[in-house]
Protein backbone atom coordinates (compact mmCIF):
# COMPACT_ATOMS: atom_id res chain seq x y z
CA UNK A 1 10.20 60.38 44.55
CA UNK A 2 13.11 61.45 42.34
CA UNK A 3 13.70 59.86 38.93
CA UNK A 4 16.99 58.34 40.10
CA UNK A 5 15.22 56.74 43.07
CA UNK A 6 12.56 55.27 40.81
CA UNK A 7 15.15 53.84 38.39
CA UNK A 8 17.17 52.42 41.28
CA UNK A 9 14.08 50.79 42.78
CA UNK A 10 13.10 49.33 39.39
CA UNK A 11 16.58 47.90 38.83
CA UNK A 12 16.63 46.46 42.33
CA UNK A 13 13.41 44.49 41.88
CA UNK A 14 14.34 43.41 38.34
CA UNK A 15 17.62 41.92 39.60
CA UNK A 16 15.88 40.25 42.52
CA UNK A 17 12.74 38.96 40.80
CA UNK A 18 14.07 38.07 37.35
CA UNK A 19 17.60 37.00 38.33
CA UNK A 20 19.31 39.21 35.78
CA UNK A 21 22.73 40.76 36.32
CA UNK A 22 22.52 44.47 37.03
CA UNK A 23 25.11 45.26 34.34
CA UNK A 24 22.70 43.84 31.73
CA UNK A 25 20.13 46.48 32.63
CA UNK A 26 21.05 49.37 30.37
CA UNK A 27 18.60 51.99 29.04
CA UNK A 28 18.68 50.94 25.38
CA UNK A 29 18.59 47.16 25.98
CA UNK A 30 15.44 45.25 25.01
CA UNK A 31 13.41 44.68 28.17
CA UNK A 32 11.70 41.43 27.14
CA UNK A 33 14.85 39.80 25.73
CA UNK A 34 17.19 40.86 28.54
CA UNK A 35 14.82 39.62 31.24
CA UNK A 36 13.76 36.61 29.12
CA UNK A 37 10.11 37.41 29.83
CA UNK A 38 7.25 35.23 28.72
CA UNK A 39 3.60 36.21 29.13
CA UNK A 40 3.43 34.90 32.72
CA UNK A 41 6.59 36.81 33.66
CA UNK A 42 5.03 39.93 32.18
CA UNK A 43 2.05 39.51 34.49
CA UNK A 44 4.48 39.17 37.41
CA UNK A 45 6.23 42.35 36.31
CA UNK A 46 2.92 44.24 36.20
CA UNK A 47 2.02 43.02 39.70
CA UNK A 48 5.44 44.09 41.00
CA UNK A 49 5.06 47.56 39.46
CA UNK A 50 1.60 47.97 40.96
CA UNK A 51 2.79 46.80 44.39
CA UNK A 52 5.94 48.96 44.44
CA UNK A 53 4.57 52.13 42.89
CA UNK A 54 0.86 52.08 43.76
CA UNK A 55 -0.79 52.47 40.36
CA UNK A 56 -2.67 50.13 38.04
CA UNK A 57 -0.99 49.17 34.78
CA UNK A 58 -3.16 48.97 31.67
CA UNK A 59 -2.09 46.42 29.07
CA UNK A 60 -2.37 48.83 26.17
CA UNK A 61 -0.04 51.29 27.92
CA UNK A 62 2.53 48.57 28.42
CA UNK A 63 2.42 47.43 24.78
CA UNK A 64 4.75 50.23 23.59
CA UNK A 65 7.48 49.45 26.11
CA UNK A 66 10.44 47.93 24.30
CA UNK A 67 13.55 49.11 26.16
CA UNK A 68 14.47 49.67 29.78
CA UNK A 69 14.37 53.42 29.08
CA UNK A 70 10.78 53.12 27.82
CA UNK A 71 9.98 51.21 31.00
CA UNK A 72 11.65 53.81 33.24
CA UNK A 73 9.86 56.65 31.44
CA UNK A 74 6.51 54.91 31.77
CA UNK A 75 6.87 54.30 35.51
CA UNK A 76 8.29 57.80 36.16
CA UNK A 77 5.41 59.43 34.27
CA UNK A 78 2.79 57.37 36.10
CA UNK A 79 4.38 58.01 39.51
CA UNK A 80 4.58 61.75 38.82
CA UNK A 81 0.94 61.87 37.66
CA UNK A 82 -0.10 60.38 40.98
CA UNK A 83 1.54 63.15 43.01
């Protein structure tokens, strides 16, 4: 899967699941604030990632994710490791 495809898929499920406008999803925006995530929403996000990309997310890996770009990079790296 190409990086652009991964980013597109991520944005698609973020818009659908978290009811955020796509134009708010920009690489340097704060992920938690933009999506208005609380701890339960974060669990939902982890489940969605695991379901869509087929890998398990470890909490400590997710702790460093602040921006959408961090999130994209994390998912891209994990998807590419699995290939």
